[in-house]
């Protein structure tokens, strides 16, 4: 199951990459928590800067996502319909399995 999730992720990501926030660190190659902290520290070093910080763990967030909204968003981002169909089938099988 994890193998299929990995393949889906890495097949869909190139289609949505240009829509991701440059300050997003999750699900990006060679980006992680350390990069987020480094970016924060660099920002704090600038004079007269203020910052509000929220640390949240979304590691299980995918299990609670409204799947129809995900599909709609992917359609809006022009992800190829064959990939959306594959993802929809995958999510449906997870839900019923």
Protein backbone atom coordinates (compact mmCIF):
# COMPACT_ATOMS: atom_id res chain seq x y z
CA UNK A 1 0.00 0.00 0.00
CA UNK A 2 2.81 2.42 0.89
CA UNK A 3 4.44 1.73 -2.46
CA UNK A 4 1.29 2.77 -4.33
CA UNK A 5 0.96 5.89 -2.15
CA UNK A 6 4.56 6.79 -3.00
CA UNK A 7 3.98 6.28 -6.72
CA UNK A 8 0.79 8.36 -6.66
CA UNK A 9 2.48 11.18 -4.78
CA UNK A 10 5.47 11.33 -7.10
CA UNK A 11 3.27 11.09 -10.19
CA UNK A 12 0.92 13.90 -9.15
CA UNK A 13 3.50 16.27 -7.60
CA UNK A 14 5.03 17.44 -10.91
CA UNK A 15 1.57 18.57 -12.03
CA UNK A 16 0.93 20.69 -8.92
CA UNK A 17 4.47 21.78 -8.03
CA UNK A 18 4.12 25.28 -9.51
CA UNK A 19 1.01 25.86 -7.36
CA UNK A 20 2.71 25.07 -4.04
CA UNK A 21 3.74 27.87 -1.70
CA UNK A 22 7.53 28.42 -1.82
CA UNK A 23 7.53 28.36 1.98
CA UNK A 24 5.93 24.93 2.12
CA UNK A 25 8.42 22.36 3.33
CA UNK A 26 6.34 19.18 3.50
CA UNK A 27 6.22 16.83 0.51
CA UNK A 28 9.01 18.63 -1.28
CA UNK A 29 12.23 16.93 -2.31
CA UNK A 30 15.16 17.82 -0.06
CA UNK A 31 13.00 20.08 2.13
CA UNK A 32 12.06 19.39 5.72
CA UNK A 33 11.73 20.61 9.27
CA UNK A 34 15.33 21.80 9.40
CA UNK A 35 14.72 24.02 6.37
CA UNK A 36 11.62 25.52 7.98
CA UNK A 37 13.54 26.31 11.17
CA UNK A 38 16.45 27.81 9.19
CA UNK A 39 14.02 30.02 7.25
CA UNK A 40 12.41 31.13 10.52
CA UNK A 41 15.77 31.93 12.13
CA UNK A 42 16.87 33.89 9.06
CA UNK A 43 13.66 35.92 9.24
CA UNK A 44 14.15 36.58 12.97
CA UNK A 45 17.66 37.91 12.30
CA UNK A 46 16.19 40.77 10.24
CA UNK A 47 15.85 44.01 12.25
CA UNK A 48 12.36 45.01 13.35
CA UNK A 49 10.81 41.65 12.56
CA UNK A 50 7.99 40.07 14.47
CA UNK A 51 6.74 36.59 14.02
CA UNK A 52 3.94 34.36 15.22
CA UNK A 53 4.67 30.67 15.25
CA UNK A 54 2.35 27.70 15.22
CA UNK A 55 3.80 24.22 15.29
CA UNK A 56 1.35 21.56 14.17
CA UNK A 57 1.74 17.89 13.37
CA UNK A 58 -0.37 16.96 10.37
CA UNK A 59 1.13 13.51 9.94
CA UNK A 60 -2.31 11.84 10.01
CA UNK A 61 -4.22 14.68 8.38
CA UNK A 62 -4.67 12.82 5.10
CA UNK A 63 -6.94 10.34 6.88
CA UNK A 64 -9.40 13.12 7.70
CA UNK A 65 -9.42 15.02 4.40
CA UNK A 66 -12.69 15.46 2.53
CA UNK A 67 -11.77 13.40 -0.48
CA UNK A 68 -14.27 14.98 -2.88
CA UNK A 69 -12.66 18.38 -2.17
CA UNK A 70 -9.22 16.96 -2.95
CA UNK A 71 -10.50 15.63 -6.27
CA UNK A 72 -12.12 18.99 -7.09
CA UNK A 73 -8.90 20.83 -6.28
CA UNK A 74 -6.84 18.51 -8.48
CA UNK A 75 -9.31 19.03 -11.32
CA UNK A 76 -8.98 22.79 -10.82
CA UNK A 77 -5.17 22.46 -11.01
CA UNK A 78 -5.50 20.59 -14.33
CA UNK A 79 -4.01 17.34 -13.08
CA UNK A 80 -4.57 14.77 -15.85
CA UNK A 81 -7.90 13.00 -15.46
CA UNK A 82 -6.29 9.54 -15.60
CA UNK A 83 -4.27 10.39 -12.45
CA UNK A 84 -7.33 11.80 -10.70
CA UNK A 85 -9.28 8.67 -11.59
CA UNK A 86 -6.48 6.47 -10.25
CA UNK A 87 -6.32 8.50 -7.02
CA UNK A 88 -10.11 8.40 -6.66
CA UNK A 89 -10.11 4.60 -7.03
CA UNK A 90 -7.25 4.32 -4.55
CA UNK A 91 -9.06 6.49 -1.99
CA UNK A 92 -12.32 4.61 -2.50
CA UNK A 93 -10.58 1.26 -1.94
CA UNK A 94 -8.93 2.57 1.24
CA UNK A 95 -12.27 3.81 2.54
CA UNK A 96 -14.07 0.54 1.84
CA UNK A 97 -11.14 -1.65 2.89
